Amino acid sequence: MDADAQSLERRLIEHQEQQQQNGSSDAEASSLIKLDNGDVLYMREVNRLLVLICLLRQDNFEKHGLIDYNFQCFKEAVTEVFEFSRKRNTQQQ
């Protein structure tokens, strides 16, 4: 394993440990794949039926706080859409 891959793996482990320390009660799946061109394919679970897959430059993956914030905003918005749709379907029946 080259130094870049080890560094990336170390950052992913740190990122996962931070999520656990923040008391995230929801067990969210995540995956990280380093591509040959240096980009990173990052996957995180939104809910049990949906995942978000991002293609990032490796240096941008270091911005954990910004990535987590944007993911949380996306997750909340998608959840609102699903809830609105569910309520609307329930009312129409």
PDB file of N, CA and C in Angstrom:
ATOM      1  N   MET A   1       0.858  -1.176   0.000  1.00  0.00           N
ATOM      2  CA  MET A   1       0.000   0.000   0.000  1.00  0.00           C
ATOM      3  C   MET A   1       0.901   1.234   0.000  1.00  0.00           C
ATOM      4  N   ASP A   2       0.675   2.171  -0.932  1.00  0.00           N
ATOM      5  CA  ASP A   2       1.513   3.351  -1.005  1.00  0.00           C
ATOM      6  C   ASP A   2       1.147   4.363   0.081  1.00  0.00           C
ATOM      7  N   ALA A   3       1.977   5.399   0.217  1.00  0.00           N
ATOM      8  CA  ALA A   3       1.796   6.380   1.288  1.00  0.00           C
ATOM      9  C   ALA A   3       0.470   7.120   1.161  1.00  0.00           C
ATOM     10  N   ASP A   4       0.061   7.458  -0.072  1.00  0.00           N
ATOM     11  CA  ASP A   4      -1.214   8.154  -0.270  1.00  0.00           C
ATOM     12  C   ASP A   4      -2.384   7.297   0.192  1.00  0.00           C
ATOM     13  N   ALA A   5      -2.355   6.027  -0.148  1.00  0.00           N
ATOM     14  CA  ALA A   5      -3.439   5.124   0.246  1.00  0.00           C
ATOM     15  C   ALA A   5      -3.476   4.956   1.754  1.00  0.00           C
ATOM     16  N   GLN A   6      -2.308   4.865   2.391  1.00  0.00           N
ATOM     17  CA  GLN A   6      -2.263   4.743   3.847  1.00  0.00           C
ATOM     18  C   GLN A   6      -2.796   6.004   4.509  1.00  0.00           C
ATOM     19  N   SER A   7      -2.415   7.156   3.970  1.00  0.00           N
ATOM     20  CA  SER A   7      -2.899   8.425   4.511  1.00  0.00           C
ATOM     21  C   SER A   7      -4.411   8.532   4.372  1.00  0.00           C
ATOM     22  N   LEU A   8      -4.924   8.137   3.226  1.00  0.00           N
ATOM     23  CA  LEU A   8      -6.360   8.178   2.985  1.00  0.00           C
ATOM     24  C   LEU A   8      -7.090   7.223   3.917  1.00  0.00           C
ATOM     25  N   GLU A   9      -6.534   6.028   4.094  1.00  0.00           N
ATOM     26  CA  GLU A   9      -7.147   5.051   4.998  1.00  0.00           C
ATOM     27  C   GLU A   9      -7.145   5.579   6.432  1.00  0.00           C
ATOM     28  N   ARG A  10      -6.059   6.200   6.842  1.00  0.00           N
ATOM     29  CA  ARG A  10      -5.965   6.772   8.187  1.00  0.00           C
ATOM     30  C   ARG A  10      -7.018   7.867   8.379  1.00  0.00           C
ATOM     31  N   ARG A  11      -7.203   8.713   7.357  1.00  0.00           N
ATOM     32  CA  ARG A  11      -8.206   9.777   7.453  1.00  0.00           C
ATOM     33  C   ARG A  11      -9.612   9.214   7.532  1.00  0.00           C
ATOM     34  N   LEU A  12      -9.888   8.136   6.791  1.00  0.00           N
ATOM     35  CA  LEU A  12     -11.206   7.514   6.853  1.00  0.00           C
ATOM     36  C   LEU A  12     -11.467   6.948   8.241  1.00  0.00           C
ATOM     37  N   ILE A  13     -10.478   6.282   8.813  1.00  0.00           N
ATOM     38  CA  ILE A  13     -10.635   5.727  10.158  1.00  0.00           C
ATOM     39  C   ILE A  13     -10.878   6.847  11.161  1.00  0.00           C
ATOM     40  N   GLU A  14     -10.124   7.942  11.058  1.00  0.00           N
ATOM     41  CA  GLU A  14     -10.326   9.087  11.949  1.00  0.00           C
ATOM     42  C   GLU A  14     -11.728   9.659  11.770  1.00  0.00           C
ATOM     43  N   HIS A  15     -12.173   9.742  10.530  1.00  0.00           N
ATOM     44  CA  HIS A  15     -13.503  10.265  10.227  1.00  0.00           C
ATOM     45  C   HIS A  15     -14.588   9.395  10.862  1.00  0.00           C
ATOM     46  N   GLN A  16     -14.447   8.078  10.742  1.00  0.00           N
ATOM     47  CA  GLN A  16     -15.428   7.167  11.324  1.00  0.00           C
ATOM     48  C   GLN A  16     -15.412   7.241  12.846  1.00  0.00           C
ATOM     49  N   GLU A  17     -14.227   7.391  13.439  1.00  0.00           N
ATOM     50  CA  GLU A  17     -14.132   7.522  14.893  1.00  0.00           C
ATOM     51  C   GLU A  17     -14.796   8.809  15.363  1.00  0.00           C
ATOM     52  N   GLN A  18     -14.635   9.895  14.610  1.00  0.00           N
ATOM     53  CA  GLN A  18     -15.283  11.159  14.955  1.00  0.00           C
ATOM     54  C   GLN A  18     -16.795  11.011  14.927  1.00  0.00           C
ATOM     55  N   GLN A  19     -17.318  10.311  13.930  1.00  0.00           N
ATOM     56  CA  GLN A  19     -18.762  10.101  13.845  1.00  0.00           C
ATOM     57  C   GLN A  19     -19.259   9.324  15.050  1.00  0.00           C
ATOM     58  N   GLN A  20     -18.508   8.313  15.472  1.00  0.00           N
ATOM     59  CA  GLN A  20     -18.908   7.518  16.626  1.00  0.00           C
ATOM     60  C   GLN A  20     -18.850   8.344  17.899  1.00  0.00           C
ATOM     61  N   GLN A  21     -17.832   9.195  18.040  1.00  0.00           N
ATOM     62  CA  GLN A  21     -17.695  10.031  19.225  1.00  0.00           C
ATOM     63  C   GLN A  21     -18.778  11.090  19.292  1.00  0.00           C
ATOM     64  N   ASN A  22     -19.269  11.530  18.146  1.00  0.00           N
ATOM     65  CA  ASN A  22     -20.318  12.544  18.113  1.00  0.00           C
ATOM     66  C   ASN A  22     -21.665  11.974  18.506  1.00  0.00           C
ATOM     67  N   GLY A  23     -21.694  10.700  18.850  1.00  0.00           N
ATOM     68  CA  GLY A  23     -22.929  10.095  19.342  1.00  0.00           C
ATOM     69  C   GLY A  23     -23.937   9.808  18.265  1.00  0.00           C
ATOM     70  N   SER A  24     -23.486   9.584  17.065  1.00  0.00           N
ATOM     71  CA  SER A  24     -24.406   9.241  15.991  1.00  0.00           C
ATOM     72  C   SER A  24     -25.057   7.905  16.322  1.00  0.00           C
ATOM     73  N   SER A  25     -26.335   7.951  16.715  1.00  0.00           N
ATOM     74  CA  SER A  25     -27.022   6.731  17.122  1.00  0.00           C
ATOM     75  C   SER A  25     -27.436   5.893  15.919  1.00  0.00           C
ATOM     76  N   ASP A  26     -27.595   6.529  14.783  1.00  0.00           N
ATOM     77  CA  ASP A  26     -27.957   5.794  13.576  1.00  0.00           C
ATOM     78  C   ASP A  26     -26.702   5.165  12.987  1.00  0.00           C
ATOM     79  N   ALA A  27     -26.765   3.883  12.784  1.00  0.00           N
ATOM     80  CA  ALA A  27     -25.636   3.195  12.165  1.00  0.00           C
ATOM     81  C   ALA A  27     -25.701   3.456  10.666  1.00  0.00           C
ATOM     82  N   GLU A  28     -24.797   4.284  10.178  1.00  0.00           N
ATOM     83  CA  GLU A  28     -24.775   4.631   8.765  1.00  0.00           C
ATOM     84  C   GLU A  28     -23.623   3.906   8.096  1.00  0.00           C
ATOM     85  N   ALA A  29     -23.903   3.301   6.970  1.00  0.00           N
ATOM     86  CA  ALA A  29     -22.854   2.636   6.203  1.00  0.00           C
ATOM     87  C   ALA A  29     -22.072   3.683   5.423  1.00  0.00           C
ATOM     88  N   SER A  30     -20.791   3.438   5.283  1.00  0.00           N
ATOM     89  CA  SER A  30     -19.971   4.315   4.456  1.00  0.00           C
ATOM     90  C   SER A  30     -18.859   3.483   3.829  1.00  0.00           C
ATOM     91  N   SER A  31     -18.365   3.985   2.715  1.00  0.00           N
ATOM     92  CA  SER A  31     -17.296   3.286   2.012  1.00  0.00           C
ATOM     93  C   SER A  31     -16.439   4.321   1.299  1.00  0.00           C
ATOM     94  N   LEU A  32     -15.172   3.993   1.141  1.00  0.00           N
ATOM     95  CA  LEU A  32     -14.231   4.900   0.514  1.00  0.00           C
ATOM     96  C   LEU A  32     -13.340   4.095  -0.423  1.00  0.00           C
ATOM     97  N   ILE A  33     -13.249   4.549  -1.668  1.00  0.00           N
ATOM     98  CA  ILE A  33     -12.407   3.869  -2.649  1.00  0.00           C
ATOM     99  C   ILE A  33     -11.497   4.908  -3.289  1.00  0.00           C
ATOM    100  N   LYS A  34     -10.200   4.666  -3.236  1.00  0.00           N
ATOM    101  CA  LYS A  34      -9.245   5.555  -3.893  1.00  0.00           C
ATOM    102  C   LYS A  34      -9.038   5.060  -5.319  1.00  0.00           C
ATOM    103  N   LEU A  35      -9.287   5.922  -6.283  1.00  0.00           N
ATOM    104  CA  LEU A  35      -9.136   5.569  -7.691  1.00  0.00           C
ATOM    105  C   LEU A  35      -7.696   5.792  -8.148  1.00  0.00           C
ATOM    106  N   ASP A  36      -7.337   5.172  -9.249  1.00  0.00           N
ATOM    107  CA  ASP A  36      -5.970   5.270  -9.769  1.00  0.00           C
ATOM    108  C   ASP A  36      -5.566   6.701 -10.118  1.00  0.00           C
ATOM    109  N   ASN A  37      -6.528   7.531 -10.486  1.00  0.00           N
ATOM    110  CA  ASN A  37      -6.202   8.907 -10.863  1.00  0.00           C
ATOM    111  C   ASN A  37      -6.092   9.841  -9.656  1.00  0.00           C
ATOM    112  N   GLY A  38      -6.211   9.300  -8.436  1.00  0.00           N
ATOM    113  CA  GLY A  38      -6.074  10.111  -7.228  1.00  0.00           C
ATOM    114  C   GLY A  38      -7.393  10.589  -6.669  1.00  0.00           C
ATOM    115  N   ASP A  39      -8.470  10.438  -7.416  1.00  0.00           N
ATOM    116  CA  ASP A  39      -9.783  10.826  -6.906  1.00  0.00           C
ATOM    117  C   ASP A  39     -10.275   9.804  -5.889  1.00  0.00           C
ATOM    118  N   VAL A  40     -11.296  10.191  -5.150  1.00  0.00           N
ATOM    119  CA  VAL A  40     -11.864   9.330  -4.120  1.00  0.00           C
ATOM    120  C   VAL A  40     -13.345   9.146  -4.405  1.00  0.00           C
ATOM    121  N   LEU A  41     -13.803   7.922  -4.371  1.00  0.00           N
ATOM    122  CA  LEU A  41     -15.220   7.598  -4.484  1.00  0.00           C
ATOM    123  C   LEU A  41     -15.715   7.354  -3.064  1.00  0.00           C
ATOM    124  N   TYR A  42     -16.629   8.205  -2.593  1.00  0.00           N
ATOM    125  CA  TYR A  42     -17.075   8.167  -1.197  1.00  0.00           C
ATOM    126  C   TYR A  42     -18.572   7.904  -1.172  1.00  0.00           C
ATOM    127  N   MET A  43     -18.984   6.910  -0.401  1.00  0.00           N
ATOM    128  CA  MET A  43     -20.390   6.531  -0.304  1.00  0.00           C
ATOM    129  C   MET A  43     -20.827   6.635   1.147  1.00  0.00           C
ATOM    130  N   ARG A  44     -22.008   7.245   1.359  1.00  0.00           N
ATOM    131  CA  ARG A  44     -22.606   7.288   2.700  1.00  0.00           C
ATOM    132  C   ARG A  44     -24.087   6.994   2.602  1.00  0.00           C
ATOM    133  N   GLU A  45     -24.570   6.272   3.590  1.00  0.00           N
ATOM    134  CA  GLU A  45     -25.980   5.900   3.650  1.00  0.00           C
ATOM    135  C   GLU A  45     -26.819   7.096   4.095  1.00  0.00           C
ATOM    136  N   VAL A  46     -27.875   7.385   3.338  1.00  0.00           N
ATOM    137  CA  VAL A  46     -28.830   8.427   3.703  1.00  0.00           C
ATOM    138  C   VAL A  46     -29.931   7.804   4.554  1.00  0.00           C
ATOM    139  N   ASN A  47     -30.497   6.728   4.064  1.00  0.00           N
ATOM    140  CA  ASN A  47     -31.462   5.924   4.821  1.00  0.00           C
ATOM    141  C   ASN A  47     -31.354   4.491   4.318  1.00  0.00           C
ATOM    142  N   ARG A  48     -32.236   3.630   4.781  1.00  0.00           N
ATOM    143  CA  ARG A  48     -32.063   2.217   4.427  1.00  0.00           C
ATOM    144  C   ARG A  48     -32.290   1.934   2.941  1.00  0.00           C
ATOM    145  N   LEU A  49     -32.838   2.887   2.203  1.00  0.00           N
ATOM    146  CA  LEU A  49     -33.105   2.689   0.778  1.00  0.00           C
ATOM    147  C   LEU A  49     -32.255   3.561  -0.145  1.00  0.00           C
ATOM    148  N   LEU A  50     -31.461   4.459   0.418  1.00  0.00           N
ATOM    149  CA  LEU A  50     -30.770   5.446  -0.407  1.00  0.00           C
ATOM    150  C   LEU A  50     -29.359   5.707   0.112  1.00  0.00           C
ATOM    151  N   VAL A  51     -28.407   5.763  -0.816  1.00  0.00           N
ATOM    152  CA  VAL A  51     -27.040   6.160  -0.477  1.00  0.00           C
ATOM    153  C   VAL A  51     -26.639   7.333  -1.365  1.00  0.00           C
ATOM    154  N   LEU A  52     -25.713   8.124  -0.865  1.00  0.00           N
ATOM    155  CA  LEU A  52     -25.156   9.235  -1.624  1.00  0.00           C
ATOM    156  C   LEU A  52     -23.732   8.852  -2.009  1.00  0.00           C
ATOM    157  N   ILE A  53     -23.428   8.944  -3.283  1.00  0.00           N
ATOM    158  CA  ILE A  53     -22.090   8.617  -3.767  1.00  0.00           C
ATOM    159  C   ILE A  53     -21.472   9.886  -4.335  1.00  0.00           C
ATOM    160  N   CYS A  54     -20.278  10.213  -3.854  1.00  0.00           N
ATOM    161  CA  CYS A  54     -19.583  11.431  -4.264  1.00  0.00           C
ATOM    162  C   CYS A  54     -18.243  11.074  -4.885  1.00  0.00           C
ATOM    163  N   LEU A  55     -17.873  11.825  -5.887  1.00  0.00           N
ATOM    164  CA  LEU A  55     -16.549  11.711  -6.480  1.00  0.00           C
ATOM    165  C   LEU A  55     -15.784  12.957  -6.055  1.00  0.00           C
ATOM    166  N   LEU A  56     -14.738  12.772  -5.250  1.00  0.00           N
ATOM    167  CA  LEU A  56     -13.993  13.889  -4.671  1.00  0.00           C
ATOM    168  C   LEU A  56     -12.527  13.807  -5.053  1.00  0.00           C
ATOM    169  N   ARG A  57     -11.893  14.953  -5.111  1.00  0.00           N
ATOM    170  CA  ARG A  57     -10.440  14.943  -5.196  1.00  0.00           C
ATOM    171  C   ARG A  57      -9.922  14.566  -3.818  1.00  0.00           C
ATOM    172  N   GLN A  58      -8.816  13.856  -3.785  1.00  0.00           N
ATOM    173  CA  GLN A  58      -8.293  13.354  -2.518  1.00  0.00           C
ATOM    174  C   GLN A  58      -8.050  14.484  -1.519  1.00  0.00           C
ATOM    175  N   ASP A  59      -7.525  15.622  -1.976  1.00  0.00           N
ATOM    176  CA  ASP A  59      -7.246  16.721  -1.047  1.00  0.00           C
ATOM    177  C   ASP A  59      -8.527  17.323  -0.480  1.00  0.00           C
ATOM    178  N   ASN A  60      -9.643  17.238  -1.208  1.00  0.00           N
ATOM    179  CA  ASN A  60     -10.914  17.745  -0.688  1.00  0.00           C
ATOM    180  C   ASN A  60     -11.500  16.840   0.382  1.00  0.00           C
ATOM    181  N   PHE A  61     -11.119  15.574   0.389  1.00  0.00           N
ATOM    182  CA  PHE A  61     -11.638  14.660   1.401  1.00  0.00           C
ATOM    183  C   PHE A  61     -11.163  15.052   2.794  1.00  0.00           C
ATOM    184  N   GLU A  62     -10.092  15.815   2.874  1.00  0.00           N
ATOM    185  CA  GLU A  62      -9.572  16.264   4.168  1.00  0.00           C
ATOM    186  C   GLU A  62     -10.537  17.222   4.858  1.00  0.00           C
ATOM    187  N   LYS A  63     -11.477  17.792   4.138  1.00  0.00           N
ATOM    188  CA  LYS A  63     -12.426  18.763   4.700  1.00  0.00           C
ATOM    189  C   LYS A  63     -13.625  18.028   5.288  1.00  0.00           C
ATOM    190  N   HIS A  64     -13.357  17.198   6.322  1.00  0.00           N
ATOM    191  CA  HIS A  64     -14.405  16.367   6.914  1.00  0.00           C
ATOM    192  C   HIS A  64     -15.591  17.184   7.403  1.00  0.00           C
ATOM    193  N   GLY A  65     -15.309  18.290   8.067  1.00  0.00           N
ATOM    194  CA  GLY A  65     -16.387  19.100   8.631  1.00  0.00           C
ATOM    195  C   GLY A  65     -17.352  19.592   7.571  1.00  0.00           C
ATOM    196  N   LEU A  66     -16.827  20.091   6.485  1.00  0.00           N
ATOM    197  CA  LEU A  66     -17.660  20.598   5.400  1.00  0.00           C
ATOM    198  C   LEU A  66     -18.427  19.468   4.719  1.00  0.00           C
ATOM    199  N   ILE A  67     -17.759  18.337   4.511  1.00  0.00           N
ATOM    200  CA  ILE A  67     -18.428  17.186   3.900  1.00  0.00           C
ATOM    201  C   ILE A  67     -19.558  16.702   4.799  1.00  0.00           C
ATOM    202  N   ASP A  68     -19.294  16.583   6.100  1.00  0.00           N
ATOM    203  CA  ASP A  68     -20.327  16.132   7.041  1.00  0.00           C
ATOM    204  C   ASP A  68     -21.505  17.101   7.085  1.00  0.00           C
ATOM    205  N   TYR A  69     -21.209  18.400   7.099  1.00  0.00           N
ATOM    206  CA  TYR A  69     -22.274  19.407   7.135  1.00  0.00           C
ATOM    207  C   TYR A  69     -23.146  19.320   5.880  1.00  0.00           C
ATOM    208  N   ASN A  70     -22.513  19.261   4.719  1.00  0.00           N
ATOM    209  CA  ASN A  70     -23.271  19.176   3.465  1.00  0.00           C
ATOM    210  C   ASN A  70     -24.076  17.886   3.387  1.00  0.00           C
ATOM    211  N   PHE A  71     -23.494  16.789   3.850  1.00  0.00           N
ATOM    212  CA  PHE A  71     -24.220  15.523   3.853  1.00  0.00           C
ATOM    213  C   PHE A  71     -25.434  15.614   4.773  1.00  0.00           C
ATOM    214  N   GLN A  72     -25.258  16.199   5.951  1.00  0.00           N
ATOM    215  CA  GLN A  72     -26.370  16.311   6.897  1.00  0.00           C
ATOM    216  C   GLN A  72     -27.493  17.176   6.312  1.00  0.00           C
ATOM    217  N   CYS A  73     -27.141  18.282   5.657  1.00  0.00           N
ATOM    218  CA  CYS A  73     -28.151  19.131   5.002  1.00  0.00           C
ATOM    219  C   CYS A  73     -28.888  18.347   3.922  1.00  0.00           C
ATOM    220  N   PHE A  74     -28.152  17.606   3.114  1.00  0.00           N
ATOM    221  CA  PHE A  74     -28.764  16.793   2.059  1.00  0.00           C
ATOM    222  C   PHE A  74     -29.691  15.745   2.662  1.00  0.00           C
ATOM    223  N   LYS A  75     -29.220  15.071   3.698  1.00  0.00           N
ATOM    224  CA  LYS A  75     -30.003  14.016   4.341  1.00  0.00           C
ATOM    225  C   LYS A  75     -31.307  14.572   4.917  1.00  0.00           C
ATOM    226  N   GLU A  76     -31.239  15.726   5.576  1.00  0.00           N
ATOM    227  CA  GLU A  76     -32.443  16.340   6.145  1.00  0.00           C
ATOM    228  C   GLU A  76     -33.426  16.735   5.050  1.00  0.00           C
ATOM    229  N   ALA A  77     -32.922  17.290   3.953  1.00  0.00           N
ATOM    230  CA  ALA A  77     -33.802  17.702   2.855  1.00  0.00           C
ATOM    231  C   ALA A  77     -34.475  16.495   2.207  1.00  0.00           C
ATOM    232  N   VAL A  78     -33.723  15.439   1.974  1.00  0.00           N
ATOM    233  CA  VAL A  78     -34.296  14.230   1.373  1.00  0.00           C
ATOM    234  C   VAL A  78     -35.332  13.618   2.308  1.00  0.00           C
ATOM    235  N   THR A  79     -35.039  13.605   3.598  1.00  0.00           N
ATOM    236  CA  THR A  79     -35.983  13.067   4.583  1.00  0.00           C
ATOM    237  C   THR A  79     -37.281  13.868   4.571  1.00  0.00           C
ATOM    238  N   GLU A  80     -37.178  15.190   4.473  1.00  0.00           N
ATOM    239  CA  GLU A  80     -38.377  16.033   4.398  1.00  0.00           C
ATOM    240  C   GLU A  80     -39.205  15.703   3.158  1.00  0.00           C
ATOM    241  N   VAL A  81     -38.543  15.497   2.036  1.00  0.00           N
ATOM    242  CA  VAL A  81     -39.257  15.159   0.797  1.00  0.00           C
ATOM    243  C   VAL A  81     -39.985  13.832   0.957  1.00  0.00           C
ATOM    244  N   PHE A  82     -39.308  12.836   1.519  1.00  0.00           N
ATOM    245  CA  PHE A  82     -39.942  11.531   1.734  1.00  0.00           C
ATOM    246  C   PHE A  82     -41.126  11.643   2.691  1.00  0.00           C
ATOM    247  N   GLU A  83     -40.971  12.413   3.763  1.00  0.00           N
ATOM    248  CA  GLU A  83     -42.053  12.583   4.737  1.00  0.00           C
ATOM    249  C   GLU A  83     -43.246  13.302   4.106  1.00  0.00           C
ATOM    250  N   PHE A  84     -42.972  14.349   3.327  1.00  0.00           N
ATOM    251  CA  PHE A  84     -44.040  15.079   2.653  1.00  0.00           C
ATOM    252  C   PHE A  84     -44.799  14.157   1.711  1.00  0.00           C
ATOM    253  N   SER A  85     -44.054  13.376   0.943  1.00  0.00           N
ATOM    254  CA  SER A  85     -44.675  12.448  -0.002  1.00  0.00           C
ATOM    255  C   SER A  85     -45.503  11.393   0.724  1.00  0.00           C
ATOM    256  N   ARG A  86     -44.977  10.877   1.823  1.00  0.00           N
ATOM    257  CA  ARG A  86     -45.694   9.860   2.594  1.00  0.00           C
ATOM    258  C   ARG A  86     -46.989  10.429   3.169  1.00  0.00           C
ATOM    259  N   LYS A  87     -46.925  11.633   3.731  1.00  0.00           N
ATOM    260  CA  LYS A  87     -48.122  12.268   4.298  1.00  0.00           C
ATOM    261  C   LYS A  87     -49.156  12.549   3.211  1.00  0.00           C
ATOM    262  N   ARG A  88     -48.688  13.012   2.076  1.00  0.00           N
ATOM    263  CA  ARG A  88     -49.594  13.317   0.975  1.00  0.00           C
ATOM    264  C   ARG A  88     -50.291  12.052   0.480  1.00  0.00           C
ATOM    265  N   ASN A  89     -49.547  10.971   0.349  1.00  0.00           N
ATOM    266  CA  ASN A  89     -50.140   9.702  -0.083  1.00  0.00           C
ATOM    267  C   ASN A  89     -51.130   9.174   0.944  1.00  0.00           C
ATOM    268  N   THR A  90     -50.842   9.361   2.220  1.00  0.00           N
ATOM    269  CA  THR A  90     -51.741   8.916   3.288  1.00  0.00           C
ATOM    270  C   THR A  90     -53.044   9.711   3.253  1.00  0.00           C
ATOM    271  N   GLN A  91     -52.952  11.016   3.008  1.00  0.00           N
ATOM    272  CA  GLN A  91     -54.144  11.869   2.967  1.00  0.00           C
ATOM    273  C   GLN A  91     -55.022  11.560   1.764  1.00  0.00           C
ATOM    274  N   GLN A  92     -54.427  11.150   0.658  1.00  0.00           N
ATOM    275  CA  GLN A  92     -55.189  10.874  -0.555  1.00  0.00           C
ATOM    276  C   GLN A  92     -55.943   9.555  -0.478  1.00  0.00           C
ATOM    277  N   GLN A  93     -55.568   8.697   0.436  1.00  0.00           N
ATOM    278  CA  GLN A  93     -56.224   7.385   0.524  1.00  0.00           C
ATOM    279  C   GLN A  93     -57.476   7.445   1.303  1.00  0.00           C
TER     280      GLN A  93
END
